[in-house]
PDB file of N, CA and C in Angstrom:
ATOM      1  N   UNK A   1      59.870 126.221 143.709  1.00  0.00           N
ATOM      2  CA  UNK A   1      60.779 125.138 142.617  1.00  0.00           C
ATOM      3  C   UNK A   1      61.559 124.480 143.773  1.00  0.00           C
ATOM      4  N   UNK A   2      62.298 124.420 144.753  1.00  0.00           N
ATOM      5  CA  UNK A   2      62.740 123.903 145.835  1.00  0.00           C
ATOM      6  C   UNK A   2      61.732 122.677 145.966  1.00  0.00           C
ATOM      7  N   UNK A   3      60.914 122.509 145.823  1.00  0.00           N
ATOM      8  CA  UNK A   3      60.054 121.601 146.438  1.00  0.00           C
ATOM      9  C   UNK A   3      59.715 120.622 145.081  1.00  0.00           C
ATOM     10  N   UNK A   4      60.073 121.208 143.896  1.00  0.00           N
ATOM     11  CA  UNK A   4      59.777 120.257 142.753  1.00  0.00           C
ATOM     12  C   UNK A   4      61.274 119.610 142.722  1.00  0.00           C
ATOM     13  N   UNK A   5      62.252 120.541 142.730  1.00  0.00           N
ATOM     14  CA  UNK A   5      63.538 119.722 142.769  1.00  0.00           C
ATOM     15  C   UNK A   5      63.426 118.735 143.883  1.00  0.00           C
ATOM     16  N   UNK A   6      63.196 118.504 145.216  1.00  0.00           N
ATOM     17  CA  UNK A   6      63.230 117.966 146.118  1.00  0.00           C
ATOM     18  C   UNK A   6      62.195 116.643 145.877  1.00  0.00           C
ATOM     19  N   UNK A   7      61.160 116.758 145.122  1.00  0.00           N
ATOM     20  CA  UNK A   7      60.312 115.765 144.424  1.00  0.00           C
ATOM     21  C   UNK A   7      60.848 114.875 143.958  1.00  0.00           C
ATOM     22  N   UNK A   8      61.828 115.637 142.822  1.00  0.00           N
ATOM     23  CA  UNK A   8      62.409 114.603 141.644  1.00  0.00           C
ATOM     24  C   UNK A   8      63.548 113.903 142.225  1.00  0.00           C
ATOM     25  N   UNK A   9      64.146 114.585 143.049  1.00  0.00           N
ATOM     26  CA  UNK A   9      65.403 113.705 143.863  1.00  0.00           C
ATOM     27  C   UNK A   9      64.793 112.725 144.923  1.00  0.00           C
ATOM     28  N   UNK A  10      63.562 112.857 145.357  1.00  0.00           N
ATOM     29  CA  UNK A  10      62.969 111.237 146.144  1.00  0.00           C
ATOM     30  C   UNK A  10      62.630 110.973 144.903  1.00  0.00           C
ATOM     31  N   UNK A  11      62.000 111.099 143.745  1.00  0.00           N
ATOM     32  CA  UNK A  11      61.059 109.724 143.099  1.00  0.00           C
ATOM     33  C   UNK A  11      62.580 109.145 142.441  1.00  0.00           C
ATOM     34  N   UNK A  12      63.950 109.915 142.010  1.00  0.00           N
ATOM     35  CA  UNK A  12      64.956 109.065 141.462  1.00  0.00           C
ATOM     36  C   UNK A  12      65.352 108.171 142.550  1.00  0.00           C
ATOM     37  N   UNK A  13      65.744 108.666 144.124  1.00  0.00           N
ATOM     38  CA  UNK A  13      66.016 107.454 144.981  1.00  0.00           C
ATOM     39  C   UNK A  13      64.960 106.370 145.304  1.00  0.00           C
ATOM     40  N   UNK A  14      63.812 106.776 145.075  1.00  0.00           N
ATOM     41  CA  UNK A  14      63.099 106.208 145.306  1.00  0.00           C
ATOM     42  C   UNK A  14      63.377 104.824 144.184  1.00  0.00           C
ATOM     43  N   UNK A  15      63.538 104.985 143.066  1.00  0.00           N
ATOM     44  CA  UNK A  15      63.627 104.269 141.918  1.00  0.00           C
ATOM     45  C   UNK A  15      64.595 103.845 142.108  1.00  0.00           C
ATOM     46  N   UNK A  16      65.960 104.064 142.661  1.00  0.00           N
ATOM     47  CA  UNK A  16      67.294 103.364 142.512  1.00  0.00           C
ATOM     48  C   UNK A  16      67.428 102.510 143.957  1.00  0.00           C
ATOM     49  N   UNK A  17      66.809 103.100 144.998  1.00  0.00           N
ATOM     50  CA  UNK A  17      67.066 102.246 146.325  1.00  0.00           C
ATOM     51  C   UNK A  17      66.167 101.590 146.904  1.00  0.00           C
ATOM     52  N   UNK A  18      64.580 102.115 146.505  1.00  0.00           N
ATOM     53  CA  UNK A  18      63.535 101.469 147.194  1.00  0.00           C
ATOM     54  C   UNK A  18      63.507 100.091 147.126  1.00  0.00           C
ATOM     55  N   UNK A  19      63.177  98.972 147.706  1.00  0.00           N
ATOM     56  CA  UNK A  19      63.182  97.596 147.460  1.00  0.00           C
ATOM     57  C   UNK A  19      61.304  97.233 147.831  1.00  0.00           C
ATOM     58  N   UNK A  20      61.218  96.055 147.062  1.00  0.00           N
ATOM     59  CA  UNK A  20      59.459  95.872 147.549  1.00  0.00           C
ATOM     60  C   UNK A  20      59.887  95.008 148.742  1.00  0.00           C
ATOM     61  N   UNK A  21      58.744  95.174 149.915  1.00  0.00           N
ATOM     62  CA  UNK A  21      58.768  94.507 151.075  1.00  0.00           C
ATOM     63  C   UNK A  21      59.755  95.240 152.164  1.00  0.00           C
ATOM     64  N   UNK A  22      60.649  96.372 151.437  1.00  0.00           N
ATOM     65  CA  UNK A  22      61.450  97.659 152.307  1.00  0.00           C
ATOM     66  C   UNK A  22      60.318  98.609 152.861  1.00  0.00           C
ATOM     67  N   UNK A  23      60.798  99.151 153.968  1.00  0.00           N
ATOM     68  CA  UNK A  23      60.104 100.921 153.829  1.00  0.00           C
ATOM     69  C   UNK A  23      60.404 101.737 153.086  1.00  0.00           C
ATOM     70  N   UNK A  24      59.209 102.540 152.695  1.00  0.00           N
ATOM     71  CA  UNK A  24      59.424 103.563 151.729  1.00  0.00           C
ATOM     72  C   UNK A  24      60.172 104.329 152.222  1.00  0.00           C
ATOM     73  N   UNK A  25      61.114 105.241 151.250  1.00  0.00           N
ATOM     74  CA  UNK A  25      62.071 106.367 151.166  1.00  0.00           C
ATOM     75  C   UNK A  25      60.885 107.345 151.322  1.00  0.00           C
ATOM     76  N   UNK A  26      61.140 108.312 152.369  1.00  0.00           N
ATOM     77  CA  UNK A  26      60.384 109.935 152.958  1.00  0.00           C
ATOM     78  C   UNK A  26      61.411 110.787 152.483  1.00  0.00           C
ATOM     79  N   UNK A  27      60.948 111.735 152.462  1.00  0.00           N
ATOM     80  CA  UNK A  27      61.385 113.262 152.346  1.00  0.00           C
ATOM     81  C   UNK A  27      62.210 113.323 153.782  1.00  0.00           C
ATOM     82  N   UNK A  28      62.293 112.474 154.587  1.00  0.00           N
ATOM     83  CA  UNK A  28      62.998 112.702 156.140  1.00  0.00           C
ATOM     84  C   UNK A  28      63.893 111.822 156.019  1.00  0.00           C
ATOM     85  N   UNK A  29      64.029 110.929 155.074  1.00  0.00           N
ATOM     86  CA  UNK A  29      64.870 109.638 154.894  1.00  0.00           C
ATOM     87  C   UNK A  29      66.579 110.326 154.923  1.00  0.00           C
ATOM     88  N   UNK A  30      67.378 109.714 155.755  1.00  0.00           N
ATOM     89  CA  UNK A  30      68.559 109.883 155.549  1.00  0.00           C
ATOM     90  C   UNK A  30      69.347 110.121 154.429  1.00  0.00           C
ATOM     91  N   UNK A  31      69.070 109.291 153.343  1.00  0.00           N
ATOM     92  CA  UNK A  31      69.541 109.345 151.783  1.00  0.00           C
ATOM     93  C   UNK A  31      69.227 110.449 151.231  1.00  0.00           C
ATOM     94  N   UNK A  32      68.208 111.536 151.598  1.00  0.00           N
ATOM     95  CA  UNK A  32      67.396 112.738 150.973  1.00  0.00           C
ATOM     96  C   UNK A  32      68.427 113.915 151.624  1.00  0.00           C
ATOM     97  N   UNK A  33      69.389 113.808 152.639  1.00  0.00           N
ATOM     98  CA  UNK A  33      70.113 114.883 153.183  1.00  0.00           C
ATOM     99  C   UNK A  33      70.745 115.654 152.090  1.00  0.00           C
ATOM    100  N   UNK A  34      71.272 115.703 151.458  1.00  0.00           N
ATOM    101  CA  UNK A  34      71.863 116.376 149.958  1.00  0.00           C
ATOM    102  C   UNK A  34      70.679 116.751 149.212  1.00  0.00           C
ATOM    103  N   UNK A  35      69.587 116.564 149.405  1.00  0.00           N
ATOM    104  CA  UNK A  35      68.688 116.648 148.556  1.00  0.00           C
ATOM    105  C   UNK A  35      67.222 117.318 149.200  1.00  0.00           C
ATOM    106  N   UNK A  36      67.465 117.917 150.380  1.00  0.00           N
ATOM    107  CA  UNK A  36      66.311 118.164 151.119  1.00  0.00           C
ATOM    108  C   UNK A  36      65.883 119.475 150.349  1.00  0.00           C
ATOM    109  N   UNK A  37      65.111 120.027 150.587  1.00  0.00           N
ATOM    110  CA  UNK A  37      63.993 121.583 150.023  1.00  0.00           C
ATOM    111  C   UNK A  37      64.906 122.433 150.354  1.00  0.00           C
ATOM    112  N   UNK A  38      65.604 122.455 151.463  1.00  0.00           N
ATOM    113  CA  UNK A  38      66.422 124.063 152.440  1.00  0.00           C
ATOM    114  C   UNK A  38      67.810 123.896 151.607  1.00  0.00           C
ATOM    115  N   UNK A  39      68.339 122.602 150.846  1.00  0.00           N
ATOM    116  CA  UNK A  39      69.537 122.428 150.134  1.00  0.00           C
ATOM    117  C   UNK A  39      69.159 123.086 148.737  1.00  0.00           C
ATOM    118  N   UNK A  40      68.034 122.838 147.726  1.00  0.00           N
ATOM    119  CA  UNK A  40      67.659 123.384 146.652  1.00  0.00           C
ATOM    120  C   UNK A  40      67.342 124.845 146.958  1.00  0.00           C
ATOM    121  N   UNK A  41      66.914 125.246 148.220  1.00  0.00           N
ATOM    122  CA  UNK A  41      66.767 126.496 148.123  1.00  0.00           C
ATOM    123  C   UNK A  41      67.773 127.416 148.796  1.00  0.00           C
ATOM    124  N   UNK A  42      68.832 127.078 148.834  1.00  0.00           N
ATOM    125  CA  UNK A  42      70.226 127.530 149.016  1.00  0.00           C
ATOM    126  C   UNK A  42      70.514 127.865 147.362  1.00  0.00           C
ATOM    127  N   UNK A  43      70.638 127.318 146.918  1.00  0.00           N
ATOM    128  CA  UNK A  43      71.109 126.882 145.337  1.00  0.00           C
ATOM    129  C   UNK A  43      70.226 127.773 144.351  1.00  0.00           C
ATOM    130  N   UNK A  44      68.770 127.811 145.137  1.00  0.00           N
ATOM    131  CA  UNK A  44      67.869 128.362 144.211  1.00  0.00           C
ATOM    132  C   UNK A  44      68.172 130.261 144.233  1.00  0.00           C
ATOM    133  N   UNK A  45      68.463 130.331 145.945  1.00  0.00           N
ATOM    134  CA  UNK A  45      68.683 132.138 145.740  1.00  0.00           C
ATOM    135  C   UNK A  45      69.922 132.193 145.225  1.00  0.00           C
ATOM    136  N   UNK A  46      71.232 131.446 145.720  1.00  0.00           N
ATOM    137  CA  UNK A  46      72.441 132.008 144.858  1.00  0.00           C
ATOM    138  C   UNK A  46      72.432 132.126 143.506  1.00  0.00           C
ATOM    139  N   UNK A  47      71.366 131.487 142.679  1.00  0.00           N
ATOM    140  CA  UNK A  47      70.987 131.482 141.320  1.00  0.00           C
ATOM    141  C   UNK A  47      72.243 130.157 140.985  1.00  0.00           C
ATOM    142  N   UNK A  48      72.244 129.081 141.048  1.00  0.00           N
ATOM    143  CA  UNK A  48      73.583 128.375 141.332  1.00  0.00           C
ATOM    144  C   UNK A  48      72.792 126.940 140.228  1.00  0.00           C
ATOM    145  N   UNK A  49      72.849 127.378 139.087  1.00  0.00           N
ATOM    146  CA  UNK A  49      71.678 126.377 137.942  1.00  0.00           C
ATOM    147  C   UNK A  49      72.928 125.300 137.648  1.00  0.00           C
ATOM    148  N   UNK A  50      74.310 125.889 137.581  1.00  0.00           N
ATOM    149  CA  UNK A  50      75.192 124.273 137.433  1.00  0.00           C
ATOM    150  C   UNK A  50      75.026 123.302 138.740  1.00  0.00           C
ATOM    151  N   UNK A  51      75.166 123.843 139.905  1.00  0.00           N
ATOM    152  CA  UNK A  51      74.729 123.267 141.392  1.00  0.00           C
ATOM    153  C   UNK A  51      73.403 122.627 141.176  1.00  0.00           C
ATOM    154  N   UNK A  52      72.652 122.855 140.911  1.00  0.00           N
ATOM    155  CA  UNK A  52      71.386 122.271 141.096  1.00  0.00           C
ATOM    156  C   UNK A  52      71.240 121.204 139.686  1.00  0.00           C
ATOM    157  N   UNK A  53      71.815 121.596 138.667  1.00  0.00           N
ATOM    158  CA  UNK A  53      72.088 120.374 137.373  1.00  0.00           C
ATOM    159  C   UNK A  53      72.937 119.541 137.976  1.00  0.00           C
ATOM    160  N   UNK A  54      73.936 119.821 138.868  1.00  0.00           N
ATOM    161  CA  UNK A  54      74.645 118.419 138.891  1.00  0.00           C
ATOM    162  C   UNK A  54      74.134 117.740 139.790  1.00  0.00           C
ATOM    163  N   UNK A  55      73.257 118.319 140.894  1.00  0.00           N
ATOM    164  CA  UNK A  55      72.343 117.438 142.145  1.00  0.00           C
ATOM    165  C   UNK A  55      71.297 116.282 141.022  1.00  0.00           C
ATOM    166  N   UNK A  56      70.624 117.141 140.587  1.00  0.00           N
ATOM    167  CA  UNK A  56      69.519 116.390 139.620  1.00  0.00           C
ATOM    168  C   UNK A  56      70.021 115.349 138.681  1.00  0.00           C
ATOM    169  N   UNK A  57      71.182 115.847 138.072  1.00  0.00           N
ATOM    170  CA  UNK A  57      71.904 114.654 137.227  1.00  0.00           C
ATOM    171  C   UNK A  57      72.592 113.391 137.887  1.00  0.00           C
ATOM    172  N   UNK A  58      72.860 113.377 139.375  1.00  0.00           N
ATOM    173  CA  UNK A  58      73.688 112.685 139.857  1.00  0.00           C
ATOM    174  C   UNK A  58      72.752 111.841 140.207  1.00  0.00           C
ATOM    175  N   UNK A  59      71.373 112.140 140.655  1.00  0.00           N
ATOM    176  CA  UNK A  59      69.800 111.641 141.142  1.00  0.00           C
ATOM    177  C   UNK A  59      69.214 110.802 140.018  1.00  0.00           C
ATOM    178  N   UNK A  60      69.101 111.842 138.753  1.00  0.00           N
ATOM    179  CA  UNK A  60      69.011 110.838 137.712  1.00  0.00           C
ATOM    180  C   UNK A  60      69.858 109.931 137.079  1.00  0.00           C
ATOM    181  N   UNK A  61      70.987 109.529 137.292  1.00  0.00           N
ATOM    182  CA  UNK A  61      71.650 108.523 136.920  1.00  0.00           C
ATOM    183  C   UNK A  61      71.292 107.450 137.264  1.00  0.00           C
ATOM    184  N   UNK A  62      71.283 107.703 138.933  1.00  0.00           N
ATOM    185  CA  UNK A  62      70.847 106.450 139.980  1.00  0.00           C
ATOM    186  C   UNK A  62      69.747 106.168 139.156  1.00  0.00           C
ATOM    187  N   UNK A  63      68.767 106.681 138.878  1.00  0.00           N
ATOM    188  CA  UNK A  63      67.282 106.082 138.477  1.00  0.00           C
ATOM    189  C   UNK A  63      67.443 105.677 136.898  1.00  0.00           C
ATOM    190  N   UNK A  64      68.556 106.066 136.257  1.00  0.00           N
ATOM    191  CA  UNK A  64      68.898 105.668 135.067  1.00  0.00           C
ATOM    192  C   UNK A  64      69.325 103.997 134.971  1.00  0.00           C
ATOM    193  N   UNK A  65      70.092 103.783 135.903  1.00  0.00           N
ATOM    194  CA  UNK A  65      70.961 102.731 136.399  1.00  0.00           C
ATOM    195  C   UNK A  65      69.453 101.242 136.689  1.00  0.00           C
ATOM    196  N   UNK A  66      68.738 102.139 137.693  1.00  0.00           N
ATOM    197  CA  UNK A  66      67.608 101.454 138.303  1.00  0.00           C
ATOM    198  C   UNK A  66      66.933 100.835 137.135  1.00  0.00           C
ATOM    199  N   UNK A  67      66.659 101.381 136.064  1.00  0.00           N
ATOM    200  CA  UNK A  67      65.687 100.795 135.153  1.00  0.00           C
ATOM    201  C   UNK A  67      65.948 100.288 133.799  1.00  0.00           C
ATOM    202  N   UNK A  68      67.550 100.186 134.336  1.00  0.00           N
ATOM    203  CA  UNK A  68      68.598  99.341 133.008  1.00  0.00           C
ATOM    204  C   UNK A  68      68.718 100.090 132.178  1.00  0.00           C
ATOM    205  N   UNK A  69      69.194 101.394 132.329  1.00  0.00           N
ATOM    206  CA  UNK A  69      70.086 102.076 131.317  1.00  0.00           C
ATOM    207  C   UNK A  69      69.571 102.872 130.366  1.00  0.00           C
ATOM    208  N   UNK A  70      70.213 103.435 129.773  1.00  0.00           N
ATOM    209  CA  UNK A  70      69.817 104.294 128.728  1.00  0.00           C
ATOM    210  C   UNK A  70      69.350 103.452 127.333  1.00  0.00           C
ATOM    211  N   UNK A  71      69.631 102.258 127.231  1.00  0.00           N
ATOM    212  CA  UNK A  71      69.186 101.326 125.983  1.00  0.00           C
ATOM    213  C   UNK A  71      68.130 100.468 126.404  1.00  0.00           C
ATOM    214  N   UNK A  72      67.022 100.984 127.323  1.00  0.00           N
ATOM    215  CA  UNK A  72      65.829 100.522 127.397  1.00  0.00           C
ATOM    216  C   UNK A  72      64.937 101.801 127.202  1.00  0.00           C
ATOM    217  N   UNK A  73      63.566 101.693 126.516  1.00  0.00           N
ATOM    218  CA  UNK A  73      62.915 102.533 126.546  1.00  0.00           C
ATOM    219  C   UNK A  73      62.737 103.384 127.559  1.00  0.00           C
ATOM    220  N   UNK A  74      62.259 102.700 128.547  1.00  0.00           N
ATOM    221  CA  UNK A  74      62.180 103.831 129.809  1.00  0.00           C
ATOM    222  C   UNK A  74      63.541 104.697 130.058  1.00  0.00           C
ATOM    223  N   UNK A  75      64.462 103.850 129.728  1.00  0.00           N
ATOM    224  CA  UNK A  75      65.881 104.612 130.112  1.00  0.00           C
ATOM    225  C   UNK A  75      66.175 105.876 129.123  1.00  0.00           C
ATOM    226  N   UNK A  76      65.961 105.581 127.997  1.00  0.00           N
ATOM    227  CA  UNK A  76      66.154 106.792 126.715  1.00  0.00           C
ATOM    228  C   UNK A  76      65.365 107.931 127.152  1.00  0.00           C
ATOM    229  N   UNK A  77      63.759 107.481 127.819  1.00  0.00           N
ATOM    230  CA  UNK A  77      63.350 108.662 127.531  1.00  0.00           C
ATOM    231  C   UNK A  77      63.583 109.648 129.238  1.00  0.00           C
ATOM    232  N   UNK A  78      64.165 108.722 129.725  1.00  0.00           N
ATOM    233  CA  UNK A  78      64.432 109.426 130.877  1.00  0.00           C
ATOM    234  C   UNK A  78      66.150 110.346 130.889  1.00  0.00           C
ATOM    235  N   UNK A  79      66.770 109.803 130.178  1.00  0.00           N
ATOM    236  CA  UNK A  79      68.098 110.478 129.981  1.00  0.00           C
ATOM    237  C   UNK A  79      67.563 111.315 128.800  1.00  0.00           C
ATOM    238  N   UNK A  80      66.758 111.316 127.853  1.00  0.00           N
ATOM    239  CA  UNK A  80      66.459 112.813 126.947  1.00  0.00           C
ATOM    240  C   UNK A  80      65.897 114.181 127.991  1.00  0.00           C
ATOM    241  N   UNK A  81      64.838 113.565 128.478  1.00  0.00           N
ATOM    242  CA  UNK A  81      64.340 114.578 130.036  1.00  0.00           C
ATOM    243  C   UNK A  81      65.554 115.146 130.850  1.00  0.00           C
ATOM    244  N   UNK A  82      66.415 114.319 131.309  1.00  0.00           N
ATOM    245  CA  UNK A  82      67.633 114.574 132.242  1.00  0.00           C
ATOM    246  C   UNK A  82      68.411 115.997 131.199  1.00  0.00           C
ATOM    247  N   UNK A  83      68.537 115.474 129.800  1.00  0.00           N
ATOM    248  CA  UNK A  83      69.138 116.323 129.055  1.00  0.00           C
ATOM    249  C   UNK A  83      68.556 117.835 128.784  1.00  0.00           C
ATOM    250  N   UNK A  84      67.590 117.257 128.500  1.00  0.00           N
ATOM    251  CA  UNK A  84      66.534 119.055 128.263  1.00  0.00           C
ATOM    252  C   UNK A  84      66.754 119.643 129.658  1.00  0.00           C
ATOM    253  N   UNK A  85      66.580 119.192 130.938  1.00  0.00           N
ATOM    254  CA  UNK A  85      66.742 119.868 131.860  1.00  0.00           C
ATOM    255  C   UNK A  85      68.354 120.546 132.208  1.00  0.00           C
ATOM    256  N   UNK A  86      69.682 119.531 131.536  1.00  0.00           N
ATOM    257  CA  UNK A  86      70.779 119.946 132.067  1.00  0.00           C
ATOM    258  C   UNK A  86      71.517 120.967 130.918  1.00  0.00           C
ATOM    259  N   UNK A  87      70.140 121.205 129.898  1.00  0.00           N
ATOM    260  CA  UNK A  87      70.737 122.232 128.952  1.00  0.00           C
ATOM    261  C   UNK A  87      70.370 123.426 129.099  1.00  0.00           C
ATOM    262  N   UNK A  88      69.435 123.670 130.049  1.00  0.00           N
ATOM    263  CA  UNK A  88      68.987 124.867 130.707  1.00  0.00           C
ATOM    264  C   UNK A  88      70.057 125.674 130.899  1.00  0.00           C
ATOM    265  N   UNK A  89      69.836 127.012 130.564  1.00  0.00           N
ATOM    266  CA  UNK A  89      70.962 128.114 131.132  1.00  0.00           C
ATOM    267  C   UNK A  89      70.568 129.215 131.912  1.00  0.00           C
ATOM    268  N   UNK A  90      69.209 129.523 132.245  1.00  0.00           N
ATOM    269  CA  UNK A  90      68.323 130.207 133.409  1.00  0.00           C
ATOM    270  C   UNK A  90      67.770 129.510 134.239  1.00  0.00           C
ATOM    271  N   UNK A  91      67.481 129.986 135.282  1.00  0.00           N
ATOM    272  CA  UNK A  91      66.392 129.623 135.986  1.00  0.00           C
ATOM    273  C   UNK A  91      64.914 129.425 136.051  1.00  0.00           C
ATOM    274  N   UNK A  92      64.867 130.434 134.722  1.00  0.00           N
ATOM    275  CA  UNK A  92      63.295 130.176 134.329  1.00  0.00           C
ATOM    276  C   UNK A  92      63.300 128.990 133.268  1.00  0.00           C
ATOM    277  N   UNK A  93      64.695 128.677 132.650  1.00  0.00           N
ATOM    278  CA  UNK A  93      64.278 127.643 131.737  1.00  0.00           C
ATOM    279  C   UNK A  93      64.376 126.589 132.545  1.00  0.00           C
ATOM    280  N   UNK A  94      64.548 126.289 133.384  1.00  0.00           N
ATOM    281  CA  UNK A  94      64.364 125.074 134.515  1.00  0.00           C
ATOM    282  C   UNK A  94      63.202 124.422 134.854  1.00  0.00           C
ATOM    283  N   UNK A  95      62.179 125.772 134.588  1.00  0.00           N
ATOM    284  CA  UNK A  95      60.867 125.028 135.275  1.00  0.00           C
ATOM    285  C   UNK A  95      60.098 123.856 134.461  1.00  0.00           C
ATOM    286  N   UNK A  96      60.400 124.177 132.601  1.00  0.00           N
ATOM    287  CA  UNK A  96      59.328 123.350 132.358  1.00  0.00           C
ATOM    288  C   UNK A  96      60.103 121.924 131.932  1.00  0.00           C
ATOM    289  N   UNK A  97      61.628 121.557 131.932  1.00  0.00           N
ATOM    290  CA  UNK A  97      62.030 120.611 131.540  1.00  0.00           C
ATOM    291  C   UNK A  97      61.785 119.609 133.356  1.00  0.00           C
ATOM    292  N   UNK A  98      61.903 120.494 134.216  1.00  0.00           N
ATOM    293  CA  UNK A  98      61.890 119.809 135.840  1.00  0.00           C
ATOM    294  C   UNK A  98      60.633 119.439 136.016  1.00  0.00           C
ATOM    295  N   UNK A  99      59.341 120.098 135.517  1.00  0.00           N
ATOM    296  CA  UNK A  99      58.281 119.543 135.554  1.00  0.00           C
ATOM    297  C   UNK A  99      58.006 118.140 135.113  1.00  0.00           C
ATOM    298  N   UNK A 100      58.165 118.409 133.527  1.00  0.00           N
ATOM    299  CA  UNK A 100      58.359 117.107 132.611  1.00  0.00           C
ATOM    300  C   UNK A 100      58.621 115.857 133.409  1.00  0.00           C
ATOM    301  N   UNK A 101      60.273 116.244 133.868  1.00  0.00           N
ATOM    302  CA  UNK A 101      61.067 115.477 134.346  1.00  0.00           C
ATOM    303  C   UNK A 101      60.037 114.581 135.472  1.00  0.00           C
ATOM    304  N   UNK A 102      60.013 115.561 136.599  1.00  0.00           N
ATOM    305  CA  UNK A 102      59.134 114.931 137.971  1.00  0.00           C
ATOM    306  C   UNK A 102      57.931 113.891 137.251  1.00  0.00           C
ATOM    307  N   UNK A 103      57.093 114.774 136.425  1.00  0.00           N
ATOM    308  CA  UNK A 103      55.708 114.084 135.487  1.00  0.00           C
ATOM    309  C   UNK A 103      56.509 112.310 135.345  1.00  0.00           C
ATOM    310  N   UNK A 104      57.329 112.380 134.564  1.00  0.00           N
ATOM    311  CA  UNK A 104      57.977 110.921 134.147  1.00  0.00           C
ATOM    312  C   UNK A 104      58.267 109.925 135.123  1.00  0.00           C
ATOM    313  N   UNK A 105      58.811 111.020 135.956  1.00  0.00           N
ATOM    314  CA  UNK A 105      59.392 110.019 137.309  1.00  0.00           C
ATOM    315  C   UNK A 105      58.090 109.305 138.197  1.00  0.00           C
ATOM    316  N   UNK A 106      57.330 109.607 138.206  1.00  0.00           N
ATOM    317  CA  UNK A 106      55.925 110.522 139.045  1.00  0.00           C
ATOM    318  C   UNK A 106      55.066 108.733 138.538  1.00  0.00           C
ATOM    319  N   UNK A 107      54.990 108.755 137.052  1.00  0.00           N
ATOM    320  CA  UNK A 107      54.709 107.868 136.168  1.00  0.00           C
ATOM    321  C   UNK A 107      54.947 106.397 136.039  1.00  0.00           C
ATOM    322  N   UNK A 108      56.771 106.427 136.277  1.00  0.00           N
ATOM    323  CA  UNK A 108      57.186 105.089 136.085  1.00  0.00           C
ATOM    324  C   UNK A 108      57.222 104.522 137.545  1.00  0.00           C
ATOM    325  N   UNK A 109      57.208 105.471 138.585  1.00  0.00           N
ATOM    326  CA  UNK A 109      57.253 104.608 139.789  1.00  0.00           C
ATOM    327  C   UNK A 109      56.272 103.657 139.991  1.00  0.00           C
TER     328      UNK A 109
END
């Protein structure tokens, strides 16, 4: 799950900060420091669902702003998928919405 969480964060930050003609954002980029696999791993081991959801929501919010907000078709879908992820109450319930979020972000990159 840690890799999947890191991937979602990376895709969100790419949408928010990567510009055409600049160097791509990579997993070892300083901007990823709060969203590294080890950080998510610690949250997962602790069972800190709220901490995980907070970090993902922050990244998704940046991505949402980058694609024009919740009033755009892309934004509405991103907001819906983020809400599905945020409504999970157990670690097991995070899996399906997290995969859907990752797949959607990958498609719009």
